[in-house]
Amino acid sequence: MEDIDNNPSIYKILGNNIKKIRTKEHISQERLADLIGKSSHFISLLERGESGVAIDILIDICKALNTDTNSVFAGIIDNSNMYNNSYLNKSFERFSDVDKDMVSYLINYINTKK
């Protein structure tokens, strides 16, 4: 496994992904910093790839940006198989209880056919 500390491009990709998500959500660096209890200077360093980030802070960033880690790690970790699962999970969360029951029934039905 590659040592992250010796690969600064990982920090740049991570920071760029966070910046893209943040701007897409129309959240300023200052607002993100407030949401996670950090300084806007830290967010700036992170987005430029000049700083790493602890896991707990990364989780706080994902929550603040209403995103998942798959999006943040795009281009770092191969998420090709995870994208579909994430899409399905997010879609399922938006369903009404009746629709969730129907989808669950269909899944169970399909699984019994195998």
Protein backbone atom coordinates (compact mmCIF):
# COMPACT_ATOMS: atom_id res chain seq x y z
CA MET A 1 0.00 0.00 0.00
CA GLU A 2 1.29 3.44 -0.91
CA ASP A 3 2.34 5.82 1.87
CA ILE A 4 -0.03 8.80 1.72
CA ASP A 5 2.44 11.12 3.46
CA ASN A 6 4.92 10.57 0.63
CA ASN A 7 2.36 11.26 -2.11
CA PRO A 8 1.35 14.93 -2.07
CA SER A 9 -0.83 14.46 -5.15
CA ILE A 10 -3.34 12.62 -2.94
CA TYR A 11 -3.71 15.77 -0.85
CA LYS A 12 -4.24 17.83 -4.01
CA ILE A 13 -6.92 15.47 -5.34
CA LEU A 14 -8.65 15.33 -1.96
CA GLY A 15 -8.55 19.11 -1.60
CA ASN A 16 -9.80 19.65 -5.13
CA ASN A 17 -12.69 17.25 -4.56
CA ILE A 18 -13.67 19.04 -1.35
CA LYS A 19 -13.52 22.40 -3.14
CA LYS A 20 -15.70 21.16 -6.02
CA ILE A 21 -18.31 19.77 -3.65
CA ARG A 22 -18.22 22.89 -1.47
CA THR A 23 -18.72 25.26 -4.40
CA LYS A 24 -21.45 23.05 -5.86
CA GLU A 25 -23.26 23.29 -2.53
CA HIS A 26 -22.76 27.10 -2.54
CA ILE A 27 -20.89 27.01 0.76
CA SER A 28 -18.04 29.46 1.35
CA GLN A 29 -14.75 28.43 2.90
CA GLU A 30 -15.67 30.53 5.91
CA ARG A 31 -19.03 28.78 6.32
CA LEU A 32 -17.48 25.32 5.98
CA ALA A 33 -14.85 26.30 8.54
CA ASP A 34 -17.59 27.41 10.95
CA LEU A 35 -19.54 24.19 10.41
CA ILE A 36 -16.58 21.99 11.30
CA GLY A 37 -14.99 24.22 13.95
CA LYS A 38 -11.83 25.03 11.99
CA SER A 39 -10.37 28.18 10.47
CA SER A 40 -10.95 29.31 6.91
CA HIS A 41 -7.15 29.26 6.56
CA PHE A 42 -7.23 25.50 7.28
CA ILE A 43 -9.90 25.00 4.60
CA SER A 44 -7.80 27.00 2.14
CA LEU A 45 -4.70 24.90 2.87
CA LEU A 46 -6.72 21.70 2.60
CA GLU A 47 -8.29 22.66 -0.73
CA ARG A 48 -4.89 23.57 -2.18
CA GLY A 49 -3.50 20.20 -1.10
CA GLU A 50 -1.06 21.77 1.32
CA SER A 51 -2.50 20.05 4.38
CA GLY A 52 -3.72 16.61 5.25
CA VAL A 53 -6.80 15.99 7.31
CA ALA A 54 -7.68 13.72 10.21
CA ILE A 55 -10.43 11.17 9.69
CA ASP A 56 -12.78 12.76 12.24
CA ILE A 57 -12.45 16.13 10.49
CA LEU A 58 -13.01 14.50 7.10
CA ILE A 59 -16.22 12.96 8.44
CA ASP A 60 -17.29 16.40 9.72
CA ILE A 61 -16.57 17.87 6.27
CA CYS A 62 -18.67 15.18 4.57
CA LYS A 63 -21.56 15.87 6.95
CA ALA A 64 -21.27 19.64 6.49
CA LEU A 65 -21.22 19.29 2.70
CA ASN A 66 -24.00 16.70 2.70
CA THR A 67 -21.85 14.28 0.73
CA ASP A 68 -20.32 10.86 1.10
CA THR A 69 -16.71 9.80 1.32
CA ASN A 70 -16.91 8.23 -2.14
CA SER A 71 -17.21 11.70 -3.64
CA VAL A 72 -14.40 13.09 -1.51
CA PHE A 73 -12.05 10.21 -2.42
CA ALA A 74 -12.91 10.21 -6.15
CA GLY A 75 -9.69 9.78 -8.12
CA ILE A 76 -7.86 8.42 -5.07
CA ILE A 77 -9.79 5.23 -4.40
CA ASP A 78 -11.51 3.28 -7.16
CA ASN A 79 -15.15 3.92 -6.34
CA SER A 80 -16.57 2.57 -9.59
CA ASN A 81 -18.52 -0.20 -7.89
CA MET A 82 -19.50 1.95 -4.94
CA TYR A 83 -21.13 4.67 -7.04
CA ASN A 84 -24.11 2.54 -7.93
CA ASN A 85 -24.60 1.53 -4.30
CA SER A 86 -24.40 5.15 -3.18
CA TYR A 87 -26.89 6.20 -5.85
CA LEU A 88 -29.28 3.42 -4.87
CA ASN A 89 -28.99 4.22 -1.17
CA LYS A 90 -29.63 7.92 -1.70
CA SER A 91 -32.60 7.15 -3.95
CA PHE A 92 -34.03 4.67 -1.46
CA GLU A 93 -33.78 7.25 1.35
CA ARG A 94 -36.04 9.61 -0.61
CA PHE A 95 -38.79 7.03 -1.12
CA SER A 96 -41.99 7.04 0.87
CA ASP A 97 -42.54 4.15 3.27
CA VAL A 98 -44.94 2.53 0.79
CA ASP A 99 -42.35 2.77 -2.00
CA LYS A 100 -39.65 1.38 0.29
CA ASP A 101 -41.87 -1.60 1.07
CA MET A 102 -42.48 -2.15 -2.65
CA VAL A 103 -38.76 -2.03 -3.50
CA SER A 104 -37.94 -4.36 -0.61
CA TYR A 105 -40.61 -6.78 -1.84
CA LEU A 106 -39.16 -6.70 -5.36
CA ILE A 107 -35.63 -7.30 -4.08
CA ASN A 108 -36.81 -10.25 -2.00
CA TYR A 109 -38.74 -11.61 -4.97
CA ILE A 110 -35.73 -11.35 -7.29
CA ASN A 111 -33.47 -12.99 -4.67
CA THR A 112 -35.79 -15.98 -4.41
CA LYS A 113 -35.57 -16.53 -8.18
CA LYS A 114 -31.85 -17.32 -8.03
